Amino acid sequence: MRYLKLTVAYRGTNYCGWQIQSNPRSVQQVLETAFTKITGEKNRFTASGRTDAGVHAIGQVISVVTSTTIPNGNLVRGLNSNIPRDISVLSVEDAPERFHAIRDAKRKRYRYRLQMGPVADPLDQEFAWHVTYSLDVPAMQLAARELLGEHDFACFQAAGADRITTVRTIYDCQFNECETTPFRKFQFEIEGNGFLYNMVRNIVGSLVEVGRGKQSPTWISELIRSKDRKRAGQTAPAKGLFLVSVDY
């Protein structure tokens, strides 16, 4: 048997998310179907994170166990020839025995993109949250720093999630302007040892509350201490979220 590590990028707009569901098309379903066509095997793919409907990935990592002898380079070419153009297999590598995309992950990095201004960028509507009101960027940058370190992030976990612990460690967290003309665009990047369900989108929604002047930057720390999801901001739209990379 071979243990493989696949790195995949995809635009999540046309999918119900990563995970196979009863009716809608998922990224997992498309990749597994292509793999079966190439190898004749029915294999279960495990992704590092089950991205939701509309969420994108730049470096999603997938593990699969297979008996195929097809060289990795041929698998890359074969898969890309049998999947839609909004999914790309970037690489296929041999992994250590019993490699598992979820269990062996040490760090994950996410990016969230926003556009600020009265007029939306027509070329970027699938990839950014358009906010028409002004945001206090320095205040949001100060608020983002409050997330660094090990905390109980229960206040940012969506209802219905089942996790043993809601404690996570955030190693890096930045909010910066990335484009000024003709549209003002910003990106929030966060890296940690793991994330709760909808955690990044709920953090972004809360940072926007700070940016709008409804809360102070130190409110983020108060929110974390409260462990109360009802006190946090709205869940930011899925379309602005990208899984950037996973470290092992």
Protein backbone atom coordinates (compact mmCIF):
# COMPACT_ATOMS: atom_id res chain seq x y z
CA MET A 1 0.00 0.00 0.00
CA ARG A 2 1.06 3.58 -0.66
CA TYR A 3 0.25 6.65 1.44
CA LEU A 4 -0.12 9.73 -0.73
CA LYS A 5 -0.27 13.43 0.07
CA LEU A 6 -2.11 15.60 -2.46
CA THR A 7 -2.05 19.39 -2.46
CA VAL A 8 -5.10 20.90 -4.14
CA ALA A 9 -6.42 24.37 -4.97
CA TYR A 10 -10.06 25.09 -5.76
CA ARG A 11 -12.65 27.79 -6.20
CA GLY A 12 -15.45 26.80 -3.85
CA THR A 13 -18.19 28.85 -5.51
CA ASN A 14 -19.83 25.96 -7.35
CA TYR A 15 -19.53 23.34 -4.59
CA CYS A 16 -21.38 22.47 -1.41
CA GLY A 17 -18.01 22.35 0.34
CA TRP A 18 -15.31 19.73 0.63
CA GLN A 19 -17.33 16.88 2.11
CA ILE A 20 -19.52 14.50 0.12
CA GLN A 21 -23.24 15.09 0.73
CA SER A 22 -26.38 13.39 -0.53
CA ASN A 23 -27.19 15.61 -3.52
CA PRO A 24 -25.03 18.70 -4.15
CA ARG A 25 -21.63 18.32 -5.80
CA SER A 26 -18.63 18.47 -3.47
CA VAL A 27 -14.90 18.84 -4.08
CA GLN A 28 -14.29 15.47 -2.43
CA GLN A 29 -16.78 13.75 -4.73
CA VAL A 30 -15.20 15.21 -7.87
CA LEU A 31 -11.66 14.19 -6.85
CA GLU A 32 -12.61 10.69 -5.72
CA THR A 33 -14.53 10.07 -8.95
CA ALA A 34 -11.52 11.15 -11.02
CA PHE A 35 -9.18 8.97 -8.95
CA THR A 36 -11.44 5.95 -9.48
CA LYS A 37 -11.50 6.57 -13.23
CA ILE A 38 -7.69 6.64 -13.37
CA THR A 39 -6.82 3.83 -10.97
CA GLY A 40 -9.93 1.62 -10.90
CA GLU A 41 -9.94 1.95 -7.10
CA LYS A 42 -12.62 3.43 -4.87
CA ASN A 43 -10.65 5.34 -2.27
CA ARG A 44 -11.72 7.70 0.48
CA PHE A 45 -9.93 11.06 0.43
CA THR A 46 -9.31 12.83 3.75
CA ALA A 47 -8.79 16.61 3.68
CA SER A 48 -6.99 18.65 6.32
CA GLY A 49 -10.16 20.69 6.79
CA ARG A 50 -13.74 20.33 5.60
CA THR A 51 -14.21 23.70 3.95
CA ASP A 52 -17.81 24.92 3.76
CA ALA A 53 -19.87 25.79 0.69
CA GLY A 54 -18.32 28.73 -1.14
CA VAL A 55 -14.98 28.59 0.70
CA HIS A 56 -11.85 28.43 -1.46
CA ALA A 57 -8.47 26.74 -1.06
CA ILE A 58 -4.98 27.59 -2.23
CA GLY A 59 -3.23 24.72 -0.47
CA GLN A 60 -5.70 22.12 0.76
CA VAL A 61 -3.91 18.90 1.77
CA ILE A 62 -5.44 15.48 1.21
CA SER A 63 -4.35 12.02 2.30
CA VAL A 64 -5.27 8.78 0.57
CA VAL A 65 -4.16 5.16 0.85
CA THR A 66 -3.85 3.33 -2.46
CA SER A 67 -2.34 0.27 -4.12
CA THR A 68 -1.91 1.95 -7.50
CA THR A 69 1.57 1.89 -9.06
CA ILE A 70 0.90 4.91 -11.29
CA PRO A 71 3.77 7.43 -10.85
CA ASN A 72 2.92 10.59 -8.95
CA GLY A 73 3.49 12.87 -11.92
CA ASN A 74 1.10 10.81 -14.02
CA LEU A 75 -1.49 10.99 -11.24
CA VAL A 76 -1.25 14.80 -11.25
CA ARG A 77 -1.76 14.95 -15.00
CA GLY A 78 -4.51 12.32 -14.99
CA LEU A 79 -6.48 13.93 -12.20
CA ASN A 80 -6.27 17.40 -13.74
CA SER A 81 -7.50 15.97 -17.04
CA ASN A 82 -10.59 14.52 -15.36
CA ILE A 83 -11.75 17.31 -13.05
CA PRO A 84 -13.36 20.71 -13.72
CA ARG A 85 -11.10 23.71 -14.23
CA ASP A 86 -12.14 25.25 -10.91
CA ILE A 87 -10.15 22.51 -9.12
CA SER A 88 -6.41 21.95 -9.63
CA VAL A 89 -4.22 19.18 -8.22
CA LEU A 90 -0.92 20.96 -7.56
CA SER A 91 1.11 17.95 -6.45
CA VAL A 92 1.00 14.28 -5.47
CA GLU A 93 3.74 13.07 -3.12
CA ASP A 94 4.58 9.85 -1.34
CA ALA A 95 3.90 10.32 2.37
CA PRO A 96 5.11 8.45 5.46
CA GLU A 97 3.23 5.31 6.44
CA ARG A 98 -0.14 6.08 8.05
CA PHE A 99 0.02 9.75 7.08
CA HIS A 100 -3.30 11.41 7.90
CA ALA A 101 -4.17 14.91 6.63
CA ILE A 102 -6.14 15.88 9.75
CA ARG A 103 -4.36 14.06 12.55
CA ASP A 104 -0.82 14.97 11.48
CA ALA A 105 -1.43 18.67 10.77
CA LYS A 106 0.60 21.04 12.99
CA ARG A 107 -0.40 24.45 11.67
CA LYS A 108 -3.01 25.90 9.32
CA ARG A 109 -3.13 29.31 7.70
CA TYR A 110 -6.29 31.01 6.47
CA ARG A 111 -6.86 34.24 4.57
CA TYR A 112 -10.00 36.36 4.48
CA ARG A 113 -10.46 39.10 1.87
CA LEU A 114 -12.63 42.23 2.13
CA GLN A 115 -13.37 45.08 -0.22
CA MET A 116 -14.40 48.44 1.22
CA GLY A 117 -16.24 51.17 -0.67
CA PRO A 118 -19.57 52.15 -2.22
CA VAL A 119 -18.99 50.28 -5.51
CA ALA A 120 -18.20 46.56 -5.74
CA ASP A 121 -15.39 45.21 -7.90
CA PRO A 122 -17.28 43.19 -10.56
CA LEU A 123 -14.26 40.92 -11.10
CA ASP A 124 -13.85 39.99 -7.45
CA GLN A 125 -17.37 39.35 -6.17
CA GLU A 126 -16.77 35.61 -5.71
CA PHE A 127 -13.64 36.14 -3.63
CA ALA A 128 -14.25 39.00 -1.20
CA TRP A 129 -16.80 40.38 1.23
CA HIS A 130 -17.87 43.80 -0.03
CA VAL A 131 -18.60 46.23 2.80
CA THR A 132 -20.02 49.60 1.78
CA TYR A 133 -19.25 51.37 5.06
CA SER A 134 -15.89 52.77 6.18
CA LEU A 135 -13.63 50.68 8.41
CA ASP A 136 -11.09 51.93 10.95
CA VAL A 137 -8.15 49.81 9.79
CA PRO A 138 -5.69 50.73 12.61
CA ALA A 139 -8.36 49.74 15.17
CA MET A 140 -8.86 46.40 13.43
CA GLN A 141 -5.11 45.82 13.40
CA LEU A 142 -4.95 46.44 17.15
CA ALA A 143 -7.91 44.13 17.71
CA ALA A 144 -6.28 41.35 15.67
CA ARG A 145 -3.30 41.34 18.03
CA GLU A 146 -5.61 40.40 20.89
CA LEU A 147 -6.06 36.99 19.25
CA LEU A 148 -2.41 35.96 19.52
CA GLY A 149 -1.45 33.17 21.90
CA GLU A 150 -3.33 30.31 23.50
CA HIS A 151 -6.97 31.03 24.36
CA ASP A 152 -10.32 29.34 24.72
CA PHE A 153 -12.01 30.49 21.50
CA ALA A 154 -15.50 29.19 22.35
CA CYS A 155 -16.97 32.61 21.52
CA PHE A 156 -16.01 32.12 17.86
CA GLN A 157 -17.30 28.57 17.44
CA ALA A 158 -20.51 28.11 15.47
CA ALA A 159 -23.38 26.26 17.09
CA GLY A 160 -23.64 22.53 16.52
CA ALA A 161 -19.89 21.85 16.50
CA ASP A 162 -18.60 18.93 18.53
CA ARG A 163 -15.01 19.43 19.73
CA ILE A 164 -13.27 17.97 22.77
CA THR A 165 -11.71 21.35 23.55
CA THR A 166 -12.16 24.88 22.22
CA VAL A 167 -8.64 25.93 23.23
CA ARG A 168 -6.40 26.85 20.31
CA THR A 169 -3.09 28.67 19.82
CA ILE A 170 -2.76 31.50 17.30
CA TYR A 171 0.82 32.08 16.10
CA ASP A 172 0.29 34.88 13.61
CA CYS A 173 -2.57 37.27 12.94
CA GLN A 174 -2.51 40.26 10.58
CA PHE A 175 -4.96 42.65 8.95
CA ASN A 176 -3.53 44.72 6.11
CA GLU A 177 -4.55 46.72 3.07
CA CYS A 178 -3.44 44.89 -0.09
CA GLU A 179 -4.82 47.09 -2.89
CA THR A 180 -5.80 50.75 -3.07
CA THR A 181 -6.92 51.48 -6.65
CA PRO A 182 -9.42 51.41 -8.17
CA PHE A 183 -10.90 49.46 -5.24
CA ARG A 184 -9.71 49.34 -1.64
CA LYS A 185 -9.05 45.76 -0.60
CA PHE A 186 -7.87 44.19 2.62
CA GLN A 187 -6.85 40.76 3.76
CA PHE A 188 -6.86 39.16 7.17
CA GLU A 189 -4.40 36.29 7.66
CA ILE A 190 -4.35 34.00 10.64
CA GLU A 191 -2.22 30.96 11.47
CA GLY A 192 -2.79 28.54 14.33
CA ASN A 193 -2.50 24.96 15.50
CA GLY A 194 -6.17 24.41 14.66
CA PHE A 195 -9.49 26.18 14.14
CA LEU A 196 -13.04 25.67 15.36
CA TYR A 197 -16.05 25.45 13.06
CA ASN A 198 -16.55 28.90 11.41
CA MET A 199 -13.93 30.35 13.74
CA VAL A 200 -12.16 32.50 11.15
CA ARG A 201 -15.38 33.86 9.65
CA ASN A 202 -16.71 34.70 13.12
CA ILE A 203 -13.45 36.44 14.01
CA VAL A 204 -13.66 38.54 10.83
CA GLY A 205 -17.26 39.47 11.60
CA SER A 206 -16.16 40.62 15.05
CA LEU A 207 -13.19 42.59 13.70
CA VAL A 208 -15.60 44.41 11.38
CA GLU A 209 -17.61 45.43 14.44
CA VAL A 210 -14.42 47.07 15.72
CA GLY A 211 -13.73 48.62 12.32
CA ARG A 212 -17.18 50.19 12.24
CA GLY A 213 -16.57 51.77 15.64
CA LYS A 214 -19.22 49.69 17.41
CA GLN A 215 -16.61 48.12 19.67
CA SER A 216 -13.11 48.99 20.89
CA PRO A 217 -10.05 46.90 19.95
CA THR A 218 -9.80 45.52 23.50
CA TRP A 219 -13.36 44.18 23.17
CA ILE A 220 -11.88 41.15 21.41
CA SER A 221 -10.12 40.12 24.63
CA GLU A 222 -13.32 40.65 26.62
CA LEU A 223 -15.18 38.55 24.07
CA ILE A 224 -12.67 35.70 24.36
CA ARG A 225 -12.94 35.73 28.13
CA SER A 226 -16.73 35.63 27.94
CA LYS A 227 -16.76 32.40 25.84
CA ASP A 228 -20.16 33.59 24.59
CA ARG A 229 -20.82 33.23 20.85
CA LYS A 230 -23.91 35.43 21.12
CA ARG A 231 -21.75 38.43 22.01
CA ALA A 232 -19.50 38.10 18.94
CA GLY A 233 -20.05 39.65 15.53
CA GLN A 234 -21.82 38.15 12.54
CA THR A 235 -20.41 35.23 10.56
CA ALA A 236 -18.60 36.73 7.57
CA PRO A 237 -19.69 35.38 4.15
CA ALA A 238 -17.99 32.18 3.01
CA LYS A 239 -16.81 33.60 -0.31
CA GLY A 240 -14.01 35.66 1.24
CA LEU A 241 -12.31 32.73 2.99
CA PHE A 242 -9.30 30.80 1.67
CA LEU A 243 -7.42 27.88 3.18
CA VAL A 244 -3.87 29.00 2.35
CA SER A 245 -1.57 26.26 3.64
CA VAL A 246 -1.17 23.37 6.09
CA ASP A 247 2.11 22.47 7.80
CA TYR A 248 3.06 18.98 8.96
